[in-house]
C-alpha atoms as a PDB file:
ATOM      1  CA  MET A   1       3.617  26.821 -34.868  1.00  0.00           C
ATOM      2  CA  LEU A   2       6.800  25.495 -33.280  1.00  0.00           C
ATOM      3  CA  THR A   3       6.687  25.258 -29.515  1.00  0.00           C
ATOM      4  CA  LYS A   4       9.102  27.310 -27.431  1.00  0.00           C
ATOM      5  CA  ARG A   5      11.562  25.293 -25.371  1.00  0.00           C
ATOM      6  CA  ILE A   6      12.533  25.614 -21.725  1.00  0.00           C
ATOM      7  CA  ILE A   7      16.077  24.412 -21.097  1.00  0.00           C
ATOM      8  CA  PRO A   8      17.850  24.063 -17.747  1.00  0.00           C
ATOM      9  CA  CYS A   9      21.618  24.512 -17.944  1.00  0.00           C
ATOM     10  CA  LEU A  10      23.942  22.531 -15.719  1.00  0.00           C
ATOM     11  CA  ASP A  11      27.382  24.080 -15.346  1.00  0.00           C
ATOM     12  CA  ILE A  12      29.668  21.266 -14.190  1.00  0.00           C
ATOM     13  CA  LYS A  13      32.865  21.711 -12.196  1.00  0.00           C
ATOM     14  CA  ALA A  14      34.694  18.844 -10.483  1.00  0.00           C
ATOM     15  CA  GLY A  15      31.690  16.571 -10.987  1.00  0.00           C
ATOM     16  CA  ARG A  16      29.160  18.919  -9.354  1.00  0.00           C
ATOM     17  CA  VAL A  17      26.551  21.358 -10.652  1.00  0.00           C
ATOM     18  CA  VAL A  18      27.626  24.937  -9.849  1.00  0.00           C
ATOM     19  CA  LYS A  19      26.252  28.426 -10.449  1.00  0.00           C
ATOM     20  CA  GLY A  20      27.612  31.932  -9.984  1.00  0.00           C
ATOM     21  CA  VAL A  21      26.918  35.542 -10.954  1.00  0.00           C
ATOM     22  CA  ASN A  22      28.533  37.145 -14.021  1.00  0.00           C
ATOM     23  CA  PHE A  23      30.537  33.900 -14.442  1.00  0.00           C
ATOM     24  CA  VAL A  24      32.221  34.155 -11.000  1.00  0.00           C
ATOM     25  CA  GLY A  25      31.452  33.268  -7.355  1.00  0.00           C
ATOM     26  CA  LEU A  26      30.457  29.676  -8.065  1.00  0.00           C
ATOM     27  CA  LYS A  27      28.262  27.840  -5.551  1.00  0.00           C
ATOM     28  CA  ASP A  28      27.356  24.158  -5.374  1.00  0.00           C
ATOM     29  CA  ALA A  29      23.917  23.258  -6.729  1.00  0.00           C
ATOM     30  CA  GLY A  30      23.910  19.477  -6.426  1.00  0.00           C
ATOM     31  CA  SER A  31      24.670  16.200  -8.141  1.00  0.00           C
ATOM     32  CA  PRO A  32      24.380  16.206 -11.974  1.00  0.00           C
ATOM     33  CA  LEU A  33      22.401  12.962 -11.924  1.00  0.00           C
ATOM     34  CA  GLU A  34      19.918  14.066  -9.259  1.00  0.00           C
ATOM     35  CA  VAL A  35      19.409  17.489 -10.819  1.00  0.00           C
ATOM     36  CA  SER A  36      18.948  15.987 -14.307  1.00  0.00           C
ATOM     37  CA  ARG A  37      16.384  13.455 -13.127  1.00  0.00           C
ATOM     38  CA  ARG A  38      14.406  16.209 -11.446  1.00  0.00           C
ATOM     39  CA  TYR A  39      14.287  18.280 -14.621  1.00  0.00           C
ATOM     40  CA  ASN A  40      13.333  15.264 -16.688  1.00  0.00           C
ATOM     41  CA  ASP A  41      10.365  14.622 -14.379  1.00  0.00           C
ATOM     42  CA  MET A  42       9.338  18.293 -14.380  1.00  0.00           C
ATOM     43  CA  GLY A  43       8.975  18.467 -18.147  1.00  0.00           C
ATOM     44  CA  ALA A  44      12.107  20.291 -19.280  1.00  0.00           C
ATOM     45  CA  ASP A  45      12.417  20.147 -23.055  1.00  0.00           C
ATOM     46  CA  GLU A  46      16.180  19.635 -23.138  1.00  0.00           C
ATOM     47  CA  LEU A  47      19.219  19.717 -20.873  1.00  0.00           C
ATOM     48  CA  VAL A  48      22.478  21.527 -21.534  1.00  0.00           C
ATOM     49  CA  PHE A  49      25.629  20.363 -19.738  1.00  0.00           C
ATOM     50  CA  LEU A  50      28.621  22.688 -19.820  1.00  0.00           C
ATOM     51  CA  ASP A  51      31.874  21.457 -18.292  1.00  0.00           C
ATOM     52  CA  ILE A  52      33.056  24.980 -17.552  1.00  0.00           C
ATOM     53  CA  ASN A  53      36.712  24.212 -16.822  1.00  0.00           C
ATOM     54  CA  ALA A  54      37.293  21.686 -19.592  1.00  0.00           C
ATOM     55  CA  SER A  55      38.710  24.160 -22.126  1.00  0.00           C
ATOM     56  CA  SER A  56      40.944  26.020 -19.679  1.00  0.00           C
ATOM     57  CA  GLU A  57      42.208  22.667 -18.352  1.00  0.00           C
ATOM     58  CA  ASN A  58      42.709  21.419 -21.926  1.00  0.00           C
ATOM     59  CA  ARG A  59      40.551  18.308 -21.565  1.00  0.00           C
ATOM     60  CA  SER A  60      37.214  17.016 -22.824  1.00  0.00           C
ATOM     61  CA  ALA A  61      33.980  16.861 -20.851  1.00  0.00           C
ATOM     62  CA  THR A  62      33.778  14.173 -18.160  1.00  0.00           C
ATOM     63  CA  LEU A  63      32.467  11.101 -19.943  1.00  0.00           C
ATOM     64  CA  SER A  64      31.366   9.119 -16.880  1.00  0.00           C
ATOM     65  CA  THR A  65      28.972  11.870 -15.794  1.00  0.00           C
ATOM     66  CA  ILE A  66      27.529  12.119 -19.292  1.00  0.00           C
ATOM     67  CA  GLN A  67      26.962   8.360 -19.548  1.00  0.00           C
ATOM     68  CA  GLU A  68      25.261   8.249 -16.159  1.00  0.00           C
ATOM     69  CA  VAL A  69      22.883  11.097 -16.977  1.00  0.00           C
ATOM     70  CA  ALA A  70      22.148   9.971 -20.537  1.00  0.00           C
ATOM     71  CA  SER A  71      21.033   6.549 -19.273  1.00  0.00           C
ATOM     72  CA  SER A  72      18.682   8.127 -16.741  1.00  0.00           C
ATOM     73  CA  VAL A  73      16.821  10.879 -18.630  1.00  0.00           C
ATOM     74  CA  PHE A  74      14.636  10.801 -21.720  1.00  0.00           C
ATOM     75  CA  ILE A  75      14.993  14.314 -23.105  1.00  0.00           C
ATOM     76  CA  PRO A  76      17.640  15.644 -25.513  1.00  0.00           C
ATOM     77  CA  LEU A  77      21.033  16.239 -23.952  1.00  0.00           C
ATOM     78  CA  THR A  78      23.556  18.811 -25.204  1.00  0.00           C
ATOM     79  CA  ILE A  79      27.148  18.600 -23.985  1.00  0.00           C
ATOM     80  CA  GLY A  80      29.806  21.310 -24.114  1.00  0.00           C
ATOM     81  CA  GLY A  81      33.276  21.806 -22.742  1.00  0.00           C
ATOM     82  CA  GLY A  82      36.702  21.089 -24.192  1.00  0.00           C
ATOM     83  CA  ILE A  83      35.505  19.574 -27.471  1.00  0.00           C
ATOM     84  CA  SER A  84      38.403  20.033 -29.864  1.00  0.00           C
ATOM     85  CA  SER A  85      37.932  17.479 -32.647  1.00  0.00           C
ATOM     86  CA  VAL A  86      35.430  15.482 -34.667  1.00  0.00           C
ATOM     87  CA  LYS A  87      36.665  12.425 -32.772  1.00  0.00           C
ATOM     88  CA  ASP A  88      35.654  14.050 -29.444  1.00  0.00           C
ATOM     89  CA  ILE A  89      32.190  14.667 -30.858  1.00  0.00           C
ATOM     90  CA  SER A  90      31.848  11.104 -32.096  1.00  0.00           C
ATOM     91  CA  VAL A  91      32.641   9.788 -28.606  1.00  0.00           C
ATOM     92  CA  LEU A  92      30.016  12.039 -27.017  1.00  0.00           C
ATOM     93  CA  LEU A  93      27.316  11.194 -29.557  1.00  0.00           C
ATOM     94  CA  ASN A  94      28.048   7.507 -29.095  1.00  0.00           C
ATOM     95  CA  ASN A  95      27.693   7.822 -25.335  1.00  0.00           C
ATOM     96  CA  GLY A  96      24.226   9.277 -25.132  1.00  0.00           C
ATOM     97  CA  CYS A  97      24.305  12.962 -25.985  1.00  0.00           C
ATOM     98  CA  ASP A  98      22.135  14.322 -28.788  1.00  0.00           C
ATOM     99  CA  LYS A  99      23.964  17.559 -29.583  1.00  0.00           C
ATOM    100  CA  ILE A 100      27.322  19.065 -28.808  1.00  0.00           C
ATOM    101  CA  SER A 101      28.093  22.662 -27.903  1.00  0.00           C
ATOM    102  CA  LEU A 102      31.236  24.383 -29.181  1.00  0.00           C
ATOM    103  CA  ASN A 103      32.571  27.607 -27.729  1.00  0.00           C
ATOM    104  CA  SER A 104      36.251  28.284 -26.971  1.00  0.00           C
ATOM    105  CA  LYS A 105      37.612  25.618 -29.316  1.00  0.00           C
ATOM    106  CA  ALA A 106      35.469  26.961 -32.154  1.00  0.00           C
ATOM    107  CA  LEU A 107      36.904  30.431 -31.584  1.00  0.00           C
ATOM    108  CA  GLU A 108      40.410  28.982 -31.752  1.00  0.00           C
ATOM    109  CA  ASN A 109      39.579  26.851 -34.799  1.00  0.00           C
ATOM    110  CA  PRO A 110      36.383  27.964 -36.597  1.00  0.00           C
ATOM    111  CA  ARG A 111      36.760  25.144 -39.143  1.00  0.00           C
ATOM    112  CA  LEU A 112      35.808  22.731 -36.356  1.00  0.00           C
ATOM    113  CA  ILE A 113      32.228  23.963 -36.785  1.00  0.00           C
ATOM    114  CA  GLU A 114      32.273  23.147 -40.502  1.00  0.00           C
ATOM    115  CA  GLU A 115      33.932  19.763 -39.982  1.00  0.00           C
ATOM    116  CA  SER A 116      31.430  18.844 -37.268  1.00  0.00           C
ATOM    117  CA  ALA A 117      28.409  19.872 -39.322  1.00  0.00           C
ATOM    118  CA  LYS A 118      29.630  17.879 -42.326  1.00  0.00           C
ATOM    119  CA  ALA A 119      30.364  14.803 -40.220  1.00  0.00           C
ATOM    120  CA  PHE A 120      27.227  14.714 -38.072  1.00  0.00           C
ATOM    121  CA  GLY A 121      24.765  17.249 -39.510  1.00  0.00           C
ATOM    122  CA  SER A 122      24.099  20.839 -38.485  1.00  0.00           C
ATOM    123  CA  SER A 123      21.272  19.756 -36.183  1.00  0.00           C
ATOM    124  CA  CYS A 124      23.881  18.236 -33.839  1.00  0.00           C
ATOM    125  CA  VAL A 125      26.038  21.364 -33.688  1.00  0.00           C
ATOM    126  CA  VAL A 126      25.266  24.135 -31.211  1.00  0.00           C
ATOM    127  CA  VAL A 127      27.637  27.070 -30.913  1.00  0.00           C
ATOM    128  CA  ALA A 128      27.627  28.772 -27.517  1.00  0.00           C
ATOM    129  CA  VAL A 129      28.508  32.458 -27.637  1.00  0.00           C
ATOM    130  CA  ASP A 130      29.265  34.386 -24.435  1.00  0.00           C
ATOM    131  CA  VAL A 131      29.040  38.158 -24.872  1.00  0.00           C
ATOM    132  CA  ARG A 132      29.486  41.333 -22.870  1.00  0.00           C
ATOM    133  CA  TRP A 133      28.652  44.920 -23.790  1.00  0.00           C
ATOM    134  CA  GLU A 134      31.920  46.827 -24.163  1.00  0.00           C
ATOM    135  CA  GLY A 135      30.659  50.360 -24.702  1.00  0.00           C
ATOM    136  CA  SER A 136      30.064  50.347 -28.455  1.00  0.00           C
ATOM    137  CA  TYR A 137      29.162  46.752 -29.263  1.00  0.00           C
ATOM    138  CA  PHE A 138      28.915  43.272 -27.804  1.00  0.00           C
ATOM    139  CA  GLU A 139      32.224  41.425 -27.684  1.00  0.00           C
ATOM    140  CA  VAL A 140      32.693  37.656 -27.563  1.00  0.00           C
ATOM    141  CA  PHE A 141      34.479  36.007 -24.634  1.00  0.00           C
ATOM    142  CA  SER A 142      35.984  32.520 -24.368  1.00  0.00           C
ATOM    143  CA  HIS A 143      37.274  30.112 -21.698  1.00  0.00           C
ATOM    144  CA  GLY A 144      34.342  30.502 -19.344  1.00  0.00           C
ATOM    145  CA  GLY A 145      34.239  34.270 -19.760  1.00  0.00           C
ATOM    146  CA  ARG A 146      37.873  34.750 -18.792  1.00  0.00           C
ATOM    147  CA  THR A 147      39.246  35.802 -22.187  1.00  0.00           C
ATOM    148  CA  ASN A 148      38.049  38.682 -24.354  1.00  0.00           C
ATOM    149  CA  THR A 149      38.545  37.593 -27.957  1.00  0.00           C
ATOM    150  CA  LYS A 150      37.901  41.147 -29.229  1.00  0.00           C
ATOM    151  CA  ARG A 151      35.519  39.660 -31.788  1.00  0.00           C
ATOM    152  CA  LYS A 152      32.285  41.538 -32.410  1.00  0.00           C
ATOM    153  CA  MET A 153      29.214  39.438 -31.676  1.00  0.00           C
ATOM    154  CA  LYS A 154      27.355  40.022 -34.940  1.00  0.00           C
ATOM    155  CA  GLU A 155      30.387  39.199 -37.067  1.00  0.00           C
ATOM    156  CA  TRP A 156      31.069  35.984 -35.152  1.00  0.00           C
ATOM    157  CA  LEU A 157      27.424  34.909 -35.344  1.00  0.00           C
ATOM    158  CA  LYS A 158      27.388  35.375 -39.110  1.00  0.00           C
ATOM    159  CA  GLU A 159      30.590  33.368 -39.426  1.00  0.00           C
ATOM    160  CA  VAL A 160      29.454  30.408 -37.311  1.00  0.00           C
ATOM    161  CA  GLN A 161      26.126  30.250 -39.130  1.00  0.00           C
ATOM    162  CA  ASP A 162      27.888  30.224 -42.509  1.00  0.00           C
ATOM    163  CA  LEU A 163      30.173  27.445 -41.255  1.00  0.00           C
ATOM    164  CA  GLY A 164      27.194  25.204 -40.489  1.00  0.00           C
ATOM    165  CA  ALA A 165      26.110  25.790 -36.907  1.00  0.00           C
ATOM    166  CA  GLY A 166      22.572  24.492 -36.437  1.00  0.00           C
ATOM    167  CA  GLU A 167      21.741  26.501 -33.340  1.00  0.00           C
ATOM    168  CA  ILE A 168      23.150  29.379 -31.285  1.00  0.00           C
ATOM    169  CA  LEU A 169      23.201  29.536 -27.492  1.00  0.00           C
ATOM    170  CA  LEU A 170      23.712  33.205 -26.661  1.00  0.00           C
ATOM    171  CA  THR A 171      24.645  34.052 -23.072  1.00  0.00           C
ATOM    172  CA  SER A 172      24.803  37.624 -21.821  1.00  0.00           C
ATOM    173  CA  MET A 173      27.629  37.811 -19.285  1.00  0.00           C
ATOM    174  CA  ASP A 174      26.233  41.131 -18.057  1.00  0.00           C
ATOM    175  CA  LYS A 175      22.975  39.431 -17.151  1.00  0.00           C
ATOM    176  CA  ASP A 176      24.288  36.028 -16.052  1.00  0.00           C
ATOM    177  CA  GLY A 177      23.011  35.124 -12.583  1.00  0.00           C
ATOM    178  CA  THR A 178      21.595  38.615 -11.916  1.00  0.00           C
ATOM    179  CA  LYS A 179      17.932  37.533 -12.219  1.00  0.00           C
ATOM    180  CA  SER A 180      17.147  40.920 -13.769  1.00  0.00           C
ATOM    181  CA  GLY A 181      15.761  39.593 -17.050  1.00  0.00           C
ATOM    182  CA  PHE A 182      17.205  38.415 -20.353  1.00  0.00           C
ATOM    183  CA  ASP A 183      19.368  40.763 -22.419  1.00  0.00           C
ATOM    184  CA  LEU A 184      16.787  41.803 -24.994  1.00  0.00           C
ATOM    185  CA  LYS A 185      19.225  44.133 -26.769  1.00  0.00           C
ATOM    186  CA  ALA A 186      21.792  41.408 -27.371  1.00  0.00           C
ATOM    187  CA  LEU A 187      19.109  38.944 -28.457  1.00  0.00           C
ATOM    188  CA  ASP A 188      17.545  41.401 -30.902  1.00  0.00           C
ATOM    189  CA  LEU A 189      20.914  42.113 -32.489  1.00  0.00           C
ATOM    190  CA  ALA A 190      21.682  38.407 -32.692  1.00  0.00           C
ATOM    191  CA  SER A 191      18.364  37.438 -34.251  1.00  0.00           C
ATOM    192  CA  SER A 192      18.784  40.157 -36.884  1.00  0.00           C
ATOM    193  CA  VAL A 193      21.676  38.220 -38.450  1.00  0.00           C
ATOM    194  CA  LEU A 194      20.579  34.646 -37.758  1.00  0.00           C
ATOM    195  CA  ASP A 195      18.372  32.203 -39.628  1.00  0.00           C
ATOM    196  CA  VAL A 196      19.088  29.270 -37.304  1.00  0.00           C
ATOM    197  CA  PRO A 197      17.372  28.768 -33.914  1.00  0.00           C
ATOM    198  CA  LEU A 198      18.488  31.061 -31.088  1.00  0.00           C
ATOM    199  CA  ILE A 199      18.536  30.124 -27.395  1.00  0.00           C
ATOM    200  CA  ALA A 200      18.362  33.002 -24.902  1.00  0.00           C
ATOM    201  CA  SER A 201      20.577  32.635 -21.822  1.00  0.00           C
ATOM    202  CA  GLY A 202      21.498  34.828 -18.874  1.00  0.00           C
ATOM    203  CA  GLY A 203      19.301  36.830 -16.532  1.00  0.00           C
ATOM    204  CA  ALA A 204      16.144  34.834 -15.859  1.00  0.00           C
ATOM    205  CA  GLY A 205      14.760  35.656 -12.415  1.00  0.00           C
ATOM    206  CA  LYS A 206      11.008  35.147 -12.600  1.00  0.00           C
ATOM    207  CA  LYS A 207       8.333  33.707 -14.855  1.00  0.00           C
ATOM    208  CA  GLU A 208       7.625  37.095 -16.380  1.00  0.00           C
ATOM    209  CA  HIS A 209      11.135  37.249 -17.800  1.00  0.00           C
ATOM    210  CA  PHE A 210      10.476  34.142 -19.906  1.00  0.00           C
ATOM    211  CA  LEU A 211       7.220  35.618 -21.182  1.00  0.00           C
ATOM    212  CA  GLU A 212       9.003  38.881 -21.969  1.00  0.00           C
ATOM    213  CA  VAL A 213      11.748  37.280 -24.014  1.00  0.00           C
ATOM    214  CA  PHE A 214       9.360  35.072 -25.997  1.00  0.00           C
ATOM    215  CA  LYS A 215       6.984  37.974 -26.659  1.00  0.00           C
ATOM    216  CA  ASN A 216       9.631  40.520 -27.606  1.00  0.00           C
ATOM    217  CA  CYS A 217      12.514  38.606 -29.169  1.00  0.00           C
ATOM    218  CA  ASP A 218      12.772  36.115 -32.002  1.00  0.00           C
ATOM    219  CA  VAL A 219      14.119  33.279 -29.858  1.00  0.00           C
ATOM    220  CA  ASP A 220      13.277  29.587 -30.024  1.00  0.00           C
ATOM    221  CA  ALA A 221      14.188  28.646 -26.473  1.00  0.00           C
ATOM    222  CA  ALA A 222      15.059  30.137 -23.111  1.00  0.00           C
ATOM    223  CA  LEU A 223      17.736  28.666 -20.879  1.00  0.00           C
ATOM    224  CA  ALA A 224      18.255  29.222 -17.165  1.00  0.00           C
ATOM    225  CA  ALA A 225      20.148  27.714 -14.269  1.00  0.00           C
ATOM    226  CA  SER A 226      19.962  29.107 -10.740  1.00  0.00           C
ATOM    227  CA  VAL A 227      16.211  29.797 -10.696  1.00  0.00           C
ATOM    228  CA  PHE A 228      15.631  26.148 -11.550  1.00  0.00           C
ATOM    229  CA  HIS A 229      18.455  24.701  -9.444  1.00  0.00           C
ATOM    230  CA  TYR A 230      17.349  26.475  -6.272  1.00  0.00           C
ATOM    231  CA  HIS A 231      13.603  25.832  -6.815  1.00  0.00           C
ATOM    232  CA  GLU A 232      12.725  29.498  -7.379  1.00  0.00           C
ATOM    233  CA  ILE A 233      10.816  28.658 -10.554  1.00  0.00           C
ATOM    234  CA  ASP A 234       9.048  25.353 -11.142  1.00  0.00           C
ATOM    235  CA  ILE A 235       9.285  24.326 -14.795  1.00  0.00           C
ATOM    236  CA  THR A 236       5.820  22.763 -14.823  1.00  0.00           C
ATOM    237  CA  GLU A 237       4.283  25.946 -13.405  1.00  0.00           C
ATOM    238  CA  LEU A 238       6.346  28.091 -15.774  1.00  0.00           C
ATOM    239  CA  LYS A 239       5.066  26.236 -18.806  1.00  0.00           C
ATOM    240  CA  SER A 240       1.444  26.525 -17.649  1.00  0.00           C
ATOM    241  CA  TYR A 241       1.983  30.258 -17.122  1.00  0.00           C
ATOM    242  CA  LEU A 242       3.455  30.685 -20.603  1.00  0.00           C
ATOM    243  CA  LYS A 243       0.668  28.654 -22.185  1.00  0.00           C
ATOM    244  CA  SER A 244      -1.987  30.763 -20.459  1.00  0.00           C
ATOM    245  CA  ASN A 245      -0.305  33.861 -21.890  1.00  0.00           C
ATOM    246  CA  GLY A 246      -0.340  32.680 -25.477  1.00  0.00           C
ATOM    247  CA  ILE A 247       3.100  31.067 -25.772  1.00  0.00           C
ATOM    248  CA  GLU A 248       3.071  27.635 -27.367  1.00  0.00           C
ATOM    249  CA  VAL A 249       4.962  25.168 -25.166  1.00  0.00           C
ATOM    250  CA  ARG A 250       5.007  21.413 -24.709  1.00  0.00           C
ATOM    251  CA  LEU A 251       3.042  20.485 -21.595  1.00  0.00           C
END
């Protein structure tokens, strides 16, 4: 049985880790290097770095921060933010990251997913999908949640999987930062059309929420930010809790 993964997410703005609620009201959460080292020591399975302003500012993720972190931690590192070409991906992979995450640029140019998968393998390509319930279905948002693309979630997920995405990072904007639990409805709908691994994101507030999502949804990993950043949940303790409740994790 494959182990479930626990993944801290570091949203980066102006060289600092930040976190908000429903994608707004950002607060400082520390230095990327210090936060990453802490998670490495606590037993996180992977780290996800998202340069949240890179796409809206039409630039790539900050390379110096990535190099510094990659040389200091020993767990897989996924980088997202402003990646617009295969060349951008090559630079990131050659500077210490293990996977890249596409979001806004993939929505603008879906063929970037296919080109990336062919150049580097699907296992390197994560597609991040930010969704919000709009009354009848989940719609996909881009540019850090600022732009409604009017795309339906299930249709976009099918498309990115067919184009070669190796993994999906699904974030519920309705749940983001609320600490009220993962969006089980969105995750169930997503898993119904996916064959590739699915990462749950948005809403974690306590250990029980991680157990709930692993027990009730077909997800391979759970990602969180503020509860880890502000020491509300200890990753080591979380993994022991999950293990004691029948969830296979790496201790």
